[in-house]
Amino acid sequence: MSAKISGISTTEPLAPPKGSSTGSVDRSQGEASAAAATTSQTGDHVTLTDSARSLQKLSDAISQAPVVNSAKVAAIKQAVGNGTYKVDSASVADKLLQFESGLK
């Protein structure tokens, strides 16, 4: 993303050389105020691309989706309560190793 900064002349130094007394500082301040007046008259505006609008809609849809799968939680609670919930220790160990290797 780029933004154009107006009111700064690239042909003149920003500060006069030491010992000189030119009026360039006053002129650059006048140019800056003229640029500010032009900016305030035209105003700023933003235009979103179709891709940005699609991403915004997706983001809104995801933010409204529930974080927890209530049906799965209820099924696991029931299995734990019945004593039928089985833990696959090999799968848990594999996931722990994957997690640990990802931290390095």
C-alpha atoms as a PDB file:
ATOM      1  CA  MET A   1       0.000   0.000   0.000  1.00  0.00           C
ATOM      2  CA  SER A   2       1.409   3.387  -0.875  1.00  0.00           C
ATOM      3  CA  ALA A   3       0.447   6.890   0.087  1.00  0.00           C
ATOM      4  CA  LYS A   4       1.593  10.058  -1.601  1.00  0.00           C
ATOM      5  CA  ILE A   5       2.830  12.797   0.678  1.00  0.00           C
ATOM      6  CA  SER A   6       2.364  16.214  -0.829  1.00  0.00           C
ATOM      7  CA  GLY A   7       3.783  19.563   0.184  1.00  0.00           C
ATOM      8  CA  ILE A   8       7.441  18.498   0.241  1.00  0.00           C
ATOM      9  CA  SER A   9       9.649  19.699  -2.582  1.00  0.00           C
ATOM     10  CA  THR A  10      12.336  17.206  -3.568  1.00  0.00           C
ATOM     11  CA  THR A  11      14.368  19.814  -5.453  1.00  0.00           C
ATOM     12  CA  GLU A  12      15.109  21.950  -2.394  1.00  0.00           C
ATOM     13  CA  PRO A  13      16.758  20.835   0.857  1.00  0.00           C
ATOM     14  CA  LEU A  14      14.440  20.495   3.841  1.00  0.00           C
ATOM     15  CA  ALA A  15      16.580  22.857   5.916  1.00  0.00           C
ATOM     16  CA  PRO A  16      18.837  25.616   4.592  1.00  0.00           C
ATOM     17  CA  PRO A  17      22.580  24.988   4.814  1.00  0.00           C
ATOM     18  CA  LYS A  18      24.282  26.279   7.946  1.00  0.00           C
ATOM     19  CA  GLY A  19      24.975  29.999   7.756  1.00  0.00           C
ATOM     20  CA  SER A  20      22.576  30.787   4.911  1.00  0.00           C
ATOM     21  CA  SER A  21      19.488  32.888   5.415  1.00  0.00           C
ATOM     22  CA  THR A  22      17.171  31.997   2.557  1.00  0.00           C
ATOM     23  CA  GLY A  23      13.428  32.099   2.921  1.00  0.00           C
ATOM     24  CA  SER A  24      12.985  28.440   1.974  1.00  0.00           C
ATOM     25  CA  VAL A  25      11.649  27.473   5.410  1.00  0.00           C
ATOM     26  CA  ASP A  26       8.840  30.015   5.208  1.00  0.00           C
ATOM     27  CA  ARG A  27       8.059  28.992   1.634  1.00  0.00           C
ATOM     28  CA  SER A  28       7.907  25.280   2.507  1.00  0.00           C
ATOM     29  CA  GLN A  29       5.505  26.045   5.360  1.00  0.00           C
ATOM     30  CA  GLY A  30       3.311  27.964   2.908  1.00  0.00           C
ATOM     31  CA  GLU A  31       3.407  25.031   0.487  1.00  0.00           C
ATOM     32  CA  ALA A  32       2.464  22.644   3.303  1.00  0.00           C
ATOM     33  CA  SER A  33      -0.523  24.765   4.307  1.00  0.00           C
ATOM     34  CA  ALA A  34      -1.627  24.990   0.664  1.00  0.00           C
ATOM     35  CA  ALA A  35      -1.377  21.205   0.358  1.00  0.00           C
ATOM     36  CA  ALA A  36      -3.365  20.784   3.570  1.00  0.00           C
ATOM     37  CA  ALA A  37      -6.058  23.104   2.237  1.00  0.00           C
ATOM     38  CA  THR A  38      -6.241  21.092  -0.993  1.00  0.00           C
ATOM     39  CA  THR A  39      -6.495  17.821   0.953  1.00  0.00           C
ATOM     40  CA  SER A  40      -9.261  19.122   3.190  1.00  0.00           C
ATOM     41  CA  GLN A  41     -11.239  20.326   0.169  1.00  0.00           C
ATOM     42  CA  THR A  42     -11.035  17.038  -1.736  1.00  0.00           C
ATOM     43  CA  GLY A  43     -11.436  14.730   1.261  1.00  0.00           C
ATOM     44  CA  ASP A  44     -10.207  11.183   1.614  1.00  0.00           C
ATOM     45  CA  HIS A  45     -12.038   8.126   0.397  1.00  0.00           C
ATOM     46  CA  VAL A  46     -11.508   4.385   0.437  1.00  0.00           C
ATOM     47  CA  THR A  47     -12.578   1.932  -2.239  1.00  0.00           C
ATOM     48  CA  LEU A  48     -12.661  -1.773  -1.407  1.00  0.00           C
ATOM     49  CA  THR A  49     -11.996  -4.352  -4.087  1.00  0.00           C
ATOM     50  CA  ASP A  50     -14.341  -7.268  -4.680  1.00  0.00           C
ATOM     51  CA  SER A  51     -11.812  -9.561  -3.002  1.00  0.00           C
ATOM     52  CA  ALA A  52     -11.745  -7.373   0.105  1.00  0.00           C
ATOM     53  CA  ARG A  53     -15.547  -7.360   0.253  1.00  0.00           C
ATOM     54  CA  SER A  54     -15.598 -11.168  -0.040  1.00  0.00           C
ATOM     55  CA  LEU A  55     -13.028 -11.504   2.734  1.00  0.00           C
ATOM     56  CA  GLN A  56     -15.047  -9.160   4.916  1.00  0.00           C
ATOM     57  CA  LYS A  57     -18.200 -11.264   4.387  1.00  0.00           C
ATOM     58  CA  LEU A  58     -16.268 -14.448   5.203  1.00  0.00           C
ATOM     59  CA  SER A  59     -14.821 -12.857   8.324  1.00  0.00           C
ATOM     60  CA  ASP A  60     -18.303 -11.817   9.472  1.00  0.00           C
ATOM     61  CA  ALA A  61     -19.664 -15.335   8.852  1.00  0.00           C
ATOM     62  CA  ILE A  62     -16.800 -16.942  10.787  1.00  0.00           C
ATOM     63  CA  SER A  63     -17.202 -14.562  13.704  1.00  0.00           C
ATOM     64  CA  GLN A  64     -20.875 -15.560  14.002  1.00  0.00           C
ATOM     65  CA  ALA A  65     -20.129 -19.300  13.954  1.00  0.00           C
ATOM     66  CA  PRO A  66     -20.080 -21.020  17.347  1.00  0.00           C
ATOM     67  CA  VAL A  67     -16.638 -21.688  18.783  1.00  0.00           C
ATOM     68  CA  VAL A  68     -17.656 -24.961  20.444  1.00  0.00           C
ATOM     69  CA  ASN A  69     -19.328 -27.918  18.736  1.00  0.00           C
ATOM     70  CA  SER A  70     -22.079 -28.481  21.315  1.00  0.00           C
ATOM     71  CA  ALA A  71     -23.181 -31.830  19.848  1.00  0.00           C
ATOM     72  CA  LYS A  72     -19.670 -33.261  20.062  1.00  0.00           C
ATOM     73  CA  VAL A  73     -19.225 -32.015  23.629  1.00  0.00           C
ATOM     74  CA  ALA A  74     -22.532 -33.601  24.652  1.00  0.00           C
ATOM     75  CA  ALA A  75     -21.565 -36.929  23.047  1.00  0.00           C
ATOM     76  CA  ILE A  76     -18.201 -36.981  24.829  1.00  0.00           C
ATOM     77  CA  LYS A  77     -19.837 -36.070  28.166  1.00  0.00           C
ATOM     78  CA  GLN A  78     -22.273 -38.937  27.739  1.00  0.00           C
ATOM     79  CA  ALA A  79     -19.476 -41.389  26.830  1.00  0.00           C
ATOM     80  CA  VAL A  80     -17.414 -40.302  29.858  1.00  0.00           C
ATOM     81  CA  GLY A  81     -20.473 -40.589  32.098  1.00  0.00           C
ATOM     82  CA  ASN A  82     -21.252 -44.101  30.787  1.00  0.00           C
ATOM     83  CA  GLY A  83     -17.643 -45.192  31.064  1.00  0.00           C
ATOM     84  CA  THR A  84     -17.473 -45.978  27.342  1.00  0.00           C
ATOM     85  CA  TYR A  85     -15.067 -43.191  26.349  1.00  0.00           C
ATOM     86  CA  LYS A  86     -11.804 -44.693  25.112  1.00  0.00           C
ATOM     87  CA  VAL A  87      -8.586 -42.730  24.804  1.00  0.00           C
ATOM     88  CA  ASP A  88      -6.328 -43.684  21.903  1.00  0.00           C
ATOM     89  CA  SER A  89      -2.958 -43.322  23.648  1.00  0.00           C
ATOM     90  CA  ALA A  90      -0.960 -43.771  20.423  1.00  0.00           C
ATOM     91  CA  SER A  91      -2.867 -40.915  18.771  1.00  0.00           C
ATOM     92  CA  VAL A  92      -2.389 -38.683  21.813  1.00  0.00           C
ATOM     93  CA  ALA A  93       1.348 -39.437  21.852  1.00  0.00           C
ATOM     94  CA  ASP A  94       1.663 -38.676  18.120  1.00  0.00           C
ATOM     95  CA  LYS A  95      -0.134 -35.341  18.546  1.00  0.00           C
ATOM     96  CA  LEU A  96       2.094 -34.429  21.515  1.00  0.00           C
ATOM     97  CA  LEU A  97       5.217 -35.157  19.462  1.00  0.00           C
ATOM     98  CA  GLN A  98       3.898 -33.075  16.547  1.00  0.00           C
ATOM     99  CA  PHE A  99       3.163 -30.224  18.911  1.00  0.00           C
ATOM    100  CA  GLU A 100       6.589 -30.379  20.562  1.00  0.00           C
ATOM    101  CA  SER A 101       8.412 -30.486  17.205  1.00  0.00           C
ATOM    102  CA  GLY A 102       6.408 -27.426  16.085  1.00  0.00           C
ATOM    103  CA  LEU A 103       7.664 -25.420  19.086  1.00  0.00           C
ATOM    104  CA  LYS A 104      11.295 -25.709  18.067  1.00  0.00           C
END
